[in-house]
Amino acid sequence: MRPRRPRPPIYSAQITVALVFVWTLRRYPASKRLSPKLVTLVAMLKRDGDLDLIDADATLLVSVSAATIDRRLKPERVRLELQGRSHTSPGPS
């Protein structure tokens, strides 16, 4: 049995970059808190010229679900995780 063909991506890299920008601007909220606010945020950022998206991409960005936001932001969250200073473990107390 052959594996099925993967679906074509719905969200382009430009939409993901815009999502990361909005997420950073709002100080890294959870996706369930960010998702309902995307409508007003995208409209304000487009109006002020801070977000350069065509209308079709802006519509897709506004309609993205919380689960998809989590999947798209996962690499950024991993990148922002705190790193340990060393590999030593604490000694016995």
PDB file of N, CA and C in Angstrom:
ATOM      1  N   MET A   1       0.832  -1.163   0.000  1.00  0.00           N
ATOM      2  CA  MET A   1       0.000   0.000   0.000  1.00  0.00           C
ATOM      3  C   MET A   1       0.893   1.247   0.000  1.00  0.00           C
ATOM      4  N   ARG A   2       0.591   2.150  -0.889  1.00  0.00           N
ATOM      5  CA  ARG A   2       1.362   3.385  -0.996  1.00  0.00           C
ATOM      6  C   ARG A   2       0.926   4.393   0.060  1.00  0.00           C
ATOM      7  N   PRO A   3       1.871   5.158   0.576  1.00  0.00           N
ATOM      8  CA  PRO A   3       1.464   6.215   1.507  1.00  0.00           C
ATOM      9  C   PRO A   3       0.725   7.318   0.752  1.00  0.00           C
ATOM     10  N   ARG A   4      -0.210   7.927   1.414  1.00  0.00           N
ATOM     11  CA  ARG A   4      -0.989   8.963   0.734  1.00  0.00           C
ATOM     12  C   ARG A   4      -0.150  10.225   0.561  1.00  0.00           C
ATOM     13  N   ARG A   5      -0.528  11.002  -0.408  1.00  0.00           N
ATOM     14  CA  ARG A   5       0.182  12.242  -0.688  1.00  0.00           C
ATOM     15  C   ARG A   5      -0.084  13.249   0.422  1.00  0.00           C
ATOM     16  N   PRO A   6       0.932  13.990   0.821  1.00  0.00           N
ATOM     17  CA  PRO A   6       0.698  14.999   1.861  1.00  0.00           C
ATOM     18  C   PRO A   6      -0.159  16.145   1.322  1.00  0.00           C
ATOM     19  N   ARG A   7      -0.906  16.731   2.199  1.00  0.00           N
ATOM     20  CA  ARG A   7      -1.751  17.858   1.807  1.00  0.00           C
ATOM     21  C   ARG A   7      -0.884  19.078   1.520  1.00  0.00           C
ATOM     22  N   PRO A   8      -1.315  19.905   0.594  1.00  0.00           N
ATOM     23  CA  PRO A   8      -0.562  21.144   0.355  1.00  0.00           C
ATOM     24  C   PRO A   8      -0.728  22.081   1.553  1.00  0.00           C
ATOM     25  N   PRO A   9       0.291  22.846   1.876  1.00  0.00           N
ATOM     26  CA  PRO A   9       0.189  23.736   3.042  1.00  0.00           C
ATOM     27  C   PRO A   9      -0.833  24.848   2.807  1.00  0.00           C
ATOM     28  N   ILE A  10      -1.589  25.158   3.840  1.00  0.00           N
ATOM     29  CA  ILE A  10      -2.586  26.226   3.762  1.00  0.00           C
ATOM     30  C   ILE A  10      -1.944  27.563   4.117  1.00  0.00           C
ATOM     31  N   TYR A  11      -1.105  27.545   5.148  1.00  0.00           N
ATOM     32  CA  TYR A  11      -0.504  28.776   5.650  1.00  0.00           C
ATOM     33  C   TYR A  11       0.922  28.902   5.132  1.00  0.00           C
ATOM     34  N   SER A  12       1.196  30.003   4.445  1.00  0.00           N
ATOM     35  CA  SER A  12       2.522  30.222   3.877  1.00  0.00           C
ATOM     36  C   SER A  12       3.500  30.657   4.965  1.00  0.00           C
ATOM     37  N   ALA A  13       4.752  30.732   4.583  1.00  0.00           N
ATOM     38  CA  ALA A  13       5.784  31.175   5.526  1.00  0.00           C
ATOM     39  C   ALA A  13       5.557  32.626   5.934  1.00  0.00           C
ATOM     40  N   GLN A  14       5.004  33.418   5.032  1.00  0.00           N
ATOM     41  CA  GLN A  14       4.740  34.823   5.347  1.00  0.00           C
ATOM     42  C   GLN A  14       3.679  34.946   6.444  1.00  0.00           C
ATOM     43  N   ILE A  15       2.686  34.067   6.422  1.00  0.00           N
ATOM     44  CA  ILE A  15       1.658  34.082   7.462  1.00  0.00           C
ATOM     45  C   ILE A  15       2.263  33.666   8.799  1.00  0.00           C
ATOM     46  N   THR A  16       3.158  32.681   8.772  1.00  0.00           N
ATOM     47  CA  THR A  16       3.812  32.241  10.007  1.00  0.00           C
ATOM     48  C   THR A  16       4.685  33.353  10.580  1.00  0.00           C
ATOM     49  N   VAL A  17       5.390  34.067   9.733  1.00  0.00           N
ATOM     50  CA  VAL A  17       6.217  35.194  10.195  1.00  0.00           C
ATOM     51  C   VAL A  17       5.330  36.274  10.817  1.00  0.00           C
ATOM     52  N   ALA A  18       4.197  36.554  10.191  1.00  0.00           N
ATOM     53  CA  ALA A  18       3.271  37.546  10.741  1.00  0.00           C
ATOM     54  C   ALA A  18       2.699  37.075  12.074  1.00  0.00           C
ATOM     55  N   LEU A  19       2.410  35.786  12.186  1.00  0.00           N
ATOM     56  CA  LEU A  19       1.894  35.230  13.436  1.00  0.00           C
ATOM     57  C   LEU A  19       2.923  35.356  14.558  1.00  0.00           C
ATOM     58  N   VAL A  20       4.176  35.070  14.251  1.00  0.00           N
ATOM     59  CA  VAL A  20       5.246  35.211  15.249  1.00  0.00           C
ATOM     60  C   VAL A  20       5.394  36.680  15.654  1.00  0.00           C
ATOM     61  N   PHE A  21       5.261  37.585  14.700  1.00  0.00           N
ATOM     62  CA  PHE A  21       5.351  39.019  14.992  1.00  0.00           C
ATOM     63  C   PHE A  21       4.244  39.453  15.953  1.00  0.00           C
ATOM     64  N   VAL A  22       3.013  39.046  15.674  1.00  0.00           N
ATOM     65  CA  VAL A  22       1.882  39.414  16.530  1.00  0.00           C
ATOM     66  C   VAL A  22       2.029  38.774  17.907  1.00  0.00           C
ATOM     67  N   TRP A  23       2.477  37.528  17.947  1.00  0.00           N
ATOM     68  CA  TRP A  23       2.665  36.802  19.208  1.00  0.00           C
ATOM     69  C   TRP A  23       3.731  37.492  20.063  1.00  0.00           C
ATOM     70  N   THR A  24       4.807  37.931  19.439  1.00  0.00           N
ATOM     71  CA  THR A  24       5.873  38.636  20.150  1.00  0.00           C
ATOM     72  C   THR A  24       5.389  39.999  20.634  1.00  0.00           C
ATOM     73  N   LEU A  25       4.630  40.665  19.796  1.00  0.00           N
ATOM     74  CA  LEU A  25       4.114  41.988  20.139  1.00  0.00           C
ATOM     75  C   LEU A  25       3.200  41.937  21.362  1.00  0.00           C
ATOM     76  N   ARG A  26       2.439  40.867  21.499  1.00  0.00           N
ATOM     77  CA  ARG A  26       1.524  40.707  22.637  1.00  0.00           C
ATOM     78  C   ARG A  26       2.193  40.055  23.840  1.00  0.00           C
ATOM     79  N   ARG A  27       3.510  39.890  23.816  1.00  0.00           N
ATOM     80  CA  ARG A  27       4.306  39.316  24.909  1.00  0.00           C
ATOM     81  C   ARG A  27       3.983  37.849  25.153  1.00  0.00           C
ATOM     82  N   TYR A  28       3.946  37.084  24.094  1.00  0.00           N
ATOM     83  CA  TYR A  28       3.895  35.622  24.119  1.00  0.00           C
ATOM     84  C   TYR A  28       2.679  35.032  24.838  1.00  0.00           C
ATOM     85  N   PRO A  29       1.458  35.409  24.459  1.00  0.00           N
ATOM     86  CA  PRO A  29       0.298  34.804  25.123  1.00  0.00           C
ATOM     87  C   PRO A  29       0.066  33.377  24.639  1.00  0.00           C
ATOM     88  N   ALA A  30      -0.744  32.649  25.392  1.00  0.00           N
ATOM     89  CA  ALA A  30      -1.144  31.309  24.967  1.00  0.00           C
ATOM     90  C   ALA A  30      -2.024  31.437  23.725  1.00  0.00           C
ATOM     91  N   SER A  31      -2.045  30.390  22.919  1.00  0.00           N
ATOM     92  CA  SER A  31      -2.771  30.460  21.652  1.00  0.00           C
ATOM     93  C   SER A  31      -4.266  30.658  21.855  1.00  0.00           C
ATOM     94  N   LYS A  32      -4.822  30.108  22.923  1.00  0.00           N
ATOM     95  CA  LYS A  32      -6.257  30.277  23.166  1.00  0.00           C
ATOM     96  C   LYS A  32      -6.592  31.715  23.533  1.00  0.00           C
ATOM     97  N   ARG A  33      -5.644  32.437  24.075  1.00  0.00           N
ATOM     98  CA  ARG A  33      -5.864  33.852  24.368  1.00  0.00           C
ATOM     99  C   ARG A  33      -5.567  34.726  23.148  1.00  0.00           C
ATOM    100  N   LEU A  34      -4.638  34.300  22.322  1.00  0.00           N
ATOM    101  CA  LEU A  34      -4.254  35.084  21.149  1.00  0.00           C
ATOM    102  C   LEU A  34      -5.278  34.967  20.024  1.00  0.00           C
ATOM    103  N   SER A  35      -5.830  33.787  19.840  1.00  0.00           N
ATOM    104  CA  SER A  35      -6.716  33.517  18.709  1.00  0.00           C
ATOM    105  C   SER A  35      -7.897  34.485  18.606  1.00  0.00           C
ATOM    106  N   PRO A  36      -8.659  34.753  19.681  1.00  0.00           N
ATOM    107  CA  PRO A  36      -9.785  35.679  19.537  1.00  0.00           C
ATOM    108  C   PRO A  36      -9.365  37.123  19.283  1.00  0.00           C
ATOM    109  N   LYS A  37      -8.157  37.486  19.665  1.00  0.00           N
ATOM    110  CA  LYS A  37      -7.704  38.869  19.519  1.00  0.00           C
ATOM    111  C   LYS A  37      -7.072  39.145  18.164  1.00  0.00           C
ATOM    112  N   LEU A  38      -6.869  38.109  17.366  1.00  0.00           N
ATOM    113  CA  LEU A  38      -6.201  38.296  16.078  1.00  0.00           C
ATOM    114  C   LEU A  38      -6.988  39.217  15.152  1.00  0.00           C
ATOM    115  N   VAL A  39      -8.311  39.178  15.225  1.00  0.00           N
ATOM    116  CA  VAL A  39      -9.127  40.010  14.334  1.00  0.00           C
ATOM    117  C   VAL A  39      -8.791  41.484  14.536  1.00  0.00           C
ATOM    118  N   THR A  40      -8.822  41.940  15.770  1.00  0.00           N
ATOM    119  CA  THR A  40      -8.553  43.357  16.020  1.00  0.00           C
ATOM    120  C   THR A  40      -7.074  43.692  15.851  1.00  0.00           C
ATOM    121  N   LEU A  41      -6.195  42.783  16.274  1.00  0.00           N
ATOM    122  CA  LEU A  41      -4.759  43.057  16.159  1.00  0.00           C
ATOM    123  C   LEU A  41      -4.320  43.193  14.704  1.00  0.00           C
ATOM    124  N   VAL A  42      -4.764  42.265  13.864  1.00  0.00           N
ATOM    125  CA  VAL A  42      -4.361  42.306  12.455  1.00  0.00           C
ATOM    126  C   VAL A  42      -4.921  43.561  11.790  1.00  0.00           C
ATOM    127  N   ALA A  43      -6.163  43.917  12.104  1.00  0.00           N
ATOM    128  CA  ALA A  43      -6.751  45.127  11.519  1.00  0.00           C
ATOM    129  C   ALA A  43      -5.973  46.373  11.939  1.00  0.00           C
ATOM    130  N   MET A  44      -5.621  46.472  13.216  1.00  0.00           N
ATOM    131  CA  MET A  44      -4.870  47.640  13.694  1.00  0.00           C
ATOM    132  C   MET A  44      -3.471  47.689  13.092  1.00  0.00           C
ATOM    133  N   LEU A  45      -2.795  46.548  13.047  1.00  0.00           N
ATOM    134  CA  LEU A  45      -1.430  46.531  12.520  1.00  0.00           C
ATOM    135  C   LEU A  45      -1.399  46.825  11.023  1.00  0.00           C
ATOM    136  N   LYS A  46      -2.400  46.343  10.288  1.00  0.00           N
ATOM    137  CA  LYS A  46      -2.469  46.660   8.853  1.00  0.00           C
ATOM    138  C   LYS A  46      -2.762  48.136   8.648  1.00  0.00           C
ATOM    139  N   ARG A  47      -3.655  48.681   9.467  1.00  0.00           N
ATOM    140  CA  ARG A  47      -4.014  50.094   9.350  1.00  0.00           C
ATOM    141  C   ARG A  47      -2.812  50.990   9.612  1.00  0.00           C
ATOM    142  N   ASP A  48      -2.015  50.632  10.621  1.00  0.00           N
ATOM    143  CA  ASP A  48      -0.852  51.445  10.980  1.00  0.00           C
ATOM    144  C   ASP A  48       0.359  51.182  10.095  1.00  0.00           C
ATOM    145  N   GLY A  49       0.297  50.164   9.244  1.00  0.00           N
ATOM    146  CA  GLY A  49       1.399  49.854   8.347  1.00  0.00           C
ATOM    147  C   GLY A  49       2.484  48.997   8.965  1.00  0.00           C
ATOM    148  N   ASP A  50       2.220  48.419  10.132  1.00  0.00           N
ATOM    149  CA  ASP A  50       3.212  47.572  10.789  1.00  0.00           C
ATOM    150  C   ASP A  50       3.197  46.141  10.275  1.00  0.00           C
ATOM    151  N   LEU A  51       2.108  45.737   9.647  1.00  0.00           N
ATOM    152  CA  LEU A  51       1.963  44.373   9.150  1.00  0.00           C
ATOM    153  C   LEU A  51       1.693  44.449   7.661  1.00  0.00           C
ATOM    154  N   ASP A  52       2.599  43.899   6.869  1.00  0.00           N
ATOM    155  CA  ASP A  52       2.488  43.988   5.419  1.00  0.00           C
ATOM    156  C   ASP A  52       1.987  42.657   4.874  1.00  0.00           C
ATOM    157  N   LEU A  53       0.662  42.500   4.841  1.00  0.00           N
ATOM    158  CA  LEU A  53       0.039  41.286   4.311  1.00  0.00           C
ATOM    159  C   LEU A  53      -1.022  41.675   3.298  1.00  0.00           C
ATOM    160  N   ILE A  54      -1.188  40.835   2.282  1.00  0.00           N
ATOM    161  CA  ILE A  54      -2.302  41.056   1.369  1.00  0.00           C
ATOM    162  C   ILE A  54      -3.584  40.623   2.080  1.00  0.00           C
ATOM    163  N   ASP A  55      -4.724  41.039   1.553  1.00  0.00           N
ATOM    164  CA  ASP A  55      -5.994  40.773   2.231  1.00  0.00           C
ATOM    165  C   ASP A  55      -6.284  39.287   2.370  1.00  0.00           C
ATOM    166  N   ALA A  56      -5.904  38.489   1.385  1.00  0.00           N
ATOM    167  CA  ALA A  56      -6.149  37.044   1.466  1.00  0.00           C
ATOM    168  C   ALA A  56      -5.340  36.420   2.602  1.00  0.00           C
ATOM    169  N   ASP A  57      -4.090  36.835   2.747  1.00  0.00           N
ATOM    170  CA  ASP A  57      -3.256  36.313   3.835  1.00  0.00           C
ATOM    171  C   ASP A  57      -3.746  36.808   5.193  1.00  0.00           C
ATOM    172  N   ALA A  58      -4.211  38.046   5.251  1.00  0.00           N
ATOM    173  CA  ALA A  58      -4.744  38.574   6.509  1.00  0.00           C
ATOM    174  C   ALA A  58      -5.998  37.812   6.920  1.00  0.00           C
ATOM    175  N   THR A  59      -6.831  37.446   5.960  1.00  0.00           N
ATOM    176  CA  THR A  59      -8.028  36.657   6.256  1.00  0.00           C
ATOM    177  C   THR A  59      -7.649  35.285   6.788  1.00  0.00           C
ATOM    178  N   LEU A  60      -6.635  34.664   6.196  1.00  0.00           N
ATOM    179  CA  LEU A  60      -6.170  33.365   6.696  1.00  0.00           C
ATOM    180  C   LEU A  60      -5.590  33.490   8.102  1.00  0.00           C
ATOM    181  N   LEU A  61      -4.846  34.544   8.346  1.00  0.00           N
ATOM    182  CA  LEU A  61      -4.238  34.738   9.664  1.00  0.00           C
ATOM    183  C   LEU A  61      -5.302  34.922  10.742  1.00  0.00           C
ATOM    184  N   VAL A  62      -6.365  35.631  10.407  1.00  0.00           N
ATOM    185  CA  VAL A  62      -7.443  35.866  11.368  1.00  0.00           C
ATOM    186  C   VAL A  62      -8.215  34.578  11.653  1.00  0.00           C
ATOM    187  N   SER A  63      -8.295  33.686  10.677  1.00  0.00           N
ATOM    188  CA  SER A  63      -9.112  32.479  10.829  1.00  0.00           C
ATOM    189  C   SER A  63      -8.338  31.280  11.364  1.00  0.00           C
ATOM    190  N   VAL A  64      -7.082  31.441  11.704  1.00  0.00           N
ATOM    191  CA  VAL A  64      -6.266  30.319  12.171  1.00  0.00           C
ATOM    192  C   VAL A  64      -6.750  29.866  13.551  1.00  0.00           C
ATOM    193  N   SER A  65      -6.762  28.556  13.771  1.00  0.00           N
ATOM    194  CA  SER A  65      -7.250  28.008  15.044  1.00  0.00           C
ATOM    195  C   SER A  65      -6.144  28.029  16.097  1.00  0.00           C
ATOM    196  N   ALA A  66      -6.551  27.841  17.339  1.00  0.00           N
ATOM    197  CA  ALA A  66      -5.594  27.846  18.448  1.00  0.00           C
ATOM    198  C   ALA A  66      -4.609  26.688  18.329  1.00  0.00           C
ATOM    199  N   ALA A  67      -5.082  25.527  17.894  1.00  0.00           N
ATOM    200  CA  ALA A  67      -4.195  24.366  17.753  1.00  0.00           C
ATOM    201  C   ALA A  67      -3.153  24.608  16.664  1.00  0.00           C
ATOM    202  N   THR A  68      -3.558  25.241  15.572  1.00  0.00           N
ATOM    203  CA  THR A  68      -2.612  25.543  14.501  1.00  0.00           C
ATOM    204  C   THR A  68      -1.619  26.606  14.957  1.00  0.00           C
ATOM    205  N   ILE A  69      -2.071  27.551  15.755  1.00  0.00           N
ATOM    206  CA  ILE A  69      -1.153  28.552  16.306  1.00  0.00           C
ATOM    207  C   ILE A  69      -0.088  27.851  17.137  1.00  0.00           C
ATOM    208  N   ASP A  70      -0.505  26.893  17.964  1.00  0.00           N
ATOM    209  CA  ASP A  70       0.462  26.133  18.767  1.00  0.00           C
ATOM    210  C   ASP A  70       1.471  25.411  17.889  1.00  0.00           C
ATOM    211  N   ARG A  71       1.003  24.783  16.816  1.00  0.00           N
ATOM    212  CA  ARG A  71       1.918  24.050  15.925  1.00  0.00           C
ATOM    213  C   ARG A  71       2.867  24.994  15.213  1.00  0.00           C
ATOM    214  N   ARG A  72       2.378  26.138  14.771  1.00  0.00           N
ATOM    215  CA  ARG A  72       3.220  27.093  14.045  1.00  0.00           C
ATOM    216  C   ARG A  72       4.228  27.796  14.949  1.00  0.00           C
ATOM    217  N   LEU A  73       3.883  27.970  16.220  1.00  0.00           N
ATOM    218  CA  LEU A  73       4.773  28.683  17.140  1.00  0.00           C
ATOM    219  C   LEU A  73       5.720  27.757  17.888  1.00  0.00           C
ATOM    220  N   LYS A  74       5.589  26.456  17.713  1.00  0.00           N
ATOM    221  CA  LYS A  74       6.425  25.514  18.460  1.00  0.00           C
ATOM    222  C   LYS A  74       7.923  25.765  18.262  1.00  0.00           C
ATOM    223  N   PRO A  75       8.419  25.965  17.035  1.00  0.00           N
ATOM    224  CA  PRO A  75       9.861  26.238  16.886  1.00  0.00           C
ATOM    225  C   PRO A  75      10.304  27.507  17.620  1.00  0.00           C
ATOM    226  N   GLU A  76       9.456  28.520  17.644  1.00  0.00           N
ATOM    227  CA  GLU A  76       9.805  29.758  18.347  1.00  0.00           C
ATOM    228  C   GLU A  76       9.832  29.543  19.850  1.00  0.00           C
ATOM    229  N   ARG A  77       8.884  28.774  20.352  1.00  0.00           N
ATOM    230  CA  ARG A  77       8.859  28.495  21.793  1.00  0.00           C
ATOM    231  C   ARG A  77      10.093  27.704  22.210  1.00  0.00           C
ATOM    232  N   VAL A  78      10.492  26.738  21.383  1.00  0.00           N
ATOM    233  CA  VAL A  78      11.691  25.948  21.682  1.00  0.00           C
ATOM    234  C   VAL A  78      12.920  26.847  21.669  1.00  0.00           C
ATOM    235  N   ARG A  79      12.973  27.762  20.723  1.00  0.00           N
ATOM    236  CA  ARG A  79      14.108  28.670  20.614  1.00  0.00           C
ATOM    237  C   ARG A  79      14.212  29.591  21.827  1.00  0.00           C
ATOM    238  N   LEU A  80      13.068  29.953  22.418  1.00  0.00           N
ATOM    239  CA  LEU A  80      13.064  30.884  23.541  1.00  0.00           C
ATOM    240  C   LEU A  80      13.187  30.207  24.902  1.00  0.00           C
ATOM    241  N   GLU A  81      13.233  28.875  24.945  1.00  0.00           N
ATOM    242  CA  GLU A  81      13.372  28.181  26.221  1.00  0.00           C
ATOM    243  C   GLU A  81      14.715  28.517  26.856  1.00  0.00           C
ATOM    244  N   LEU A  82      14.719  28.552  28.172  1.00  0.00           N
ATOM    245  CA  LEU A  82      15.963  28.825  28.885  1.00  0.00           C
ATOM    246  C   LEU A  82      16.913  27.649  28.749  1.00  0.00           C
ATOM    247  N   GLN A  83      18.174  27.952  28.586  1.00  0.00           N
ATOM    248  CA  GLN A  83      19.198  26.924  28.474  1.00  0.00           C
ATOM    249  C   GLN A  83      19.934  26.827  29.802  1.00  0.00           C
ATOM    250  N   GLY A  84      20.326  25.632  30.175  1.00  0.00           N
ATOM    251  CA  GLY A  84      21.104  25.456  31.395  1.00  0.00           C
ATOM    252  C   GLY A  84      22.507  26.003  31.218  1.00  0.00           C
ATOM    253  N   ARG A  85      23.138  26.359  32.302  1.00  0.00           N
ATOM    254  CA  ARG A  85      24.490  26.917  32.229  1.00  0.00           C
ATOM    255  C   ARG A  85      25.545  25.834  32.110  1.00  0.00           C
ATOM    256  N   SER A  86      25.289  24.673  32.698  1.00  0.00           N
ATOM    257  CA  SER A  86      26.273  23.597  32.623  1.00  0.00           C
ATOM    258  C   SER A  86      25.550  22.266  32.720  1.00  0.00           C
ATOM    259  N   HIS A  87      26.309  21.205  32.577  1.00  0.00           N
ATOM    260  CA  HIS A  87      25.729  19.869  32.647  1.00  0.00           C
ATOM    261  C   HIS A  87      25.984  19.198  33.987  1.00  0.00           C
ATOM    262  N   THR A  88      26.520  19.937  34.934  1.00  0.00           N
ATOM    263  CA  THR A  88      26.798  19.329  36.231  1.00  0.00           C
ATOM    264  C   THR A  88      25.511  19.198  37.026  1.00  0.00           C
ATOM    265  N   SER A  89      25.458  18.176  37.828  1.00  0.00           N
ATOM    266  CA  SER A  89      24.292  17.995  38.685  1.00  0.00           C
ATOM    267  C   SER A  89      24.660  18.429  40.100  1.00  0.00           C
ATOM    268  N   PRO A  90      23.677  18.827  40.875  1.00  0.00           N
ATOM    269  CA  PRO A  90      24.003  19.255  42.233  1.00  0.00           C
ATOM    270  C   PRO A  90      24.512  18.082  43.063  1.00  0.00           C
ATOM    271  N   GLY A  91      25.441  18.361  43.946  1.00  0.00           N
ATOM    272  CA  GLY A  91      26.016  17.325  44.801  1.00  0.00           C
ATOM    273  C   GLY A  91      25.073  16.945  45.930  1.00  0.00           C
ATOM    274  N   PRO A  92      25.453  15.919  46.672  1.00  0.00           N
ATOM    275  CA  PRO A  92      24.600  15.521  47.801  1.00  0.00           C
ATOM    276  C   PRO A  92      24.606  16.605  48.874  1.00  0.00           C
ATOM    277  N   SER A  93      23.476  16.773  49.493  1.00  0.00           N
ATOM    278  CA  SER A  93      23.389  17.842  50.492  1.00  0.00           C
ATOM    279  C   SER A  93      23.613  17.377  51.901  1.00  0.00           C
TER     280      SER A  93
END
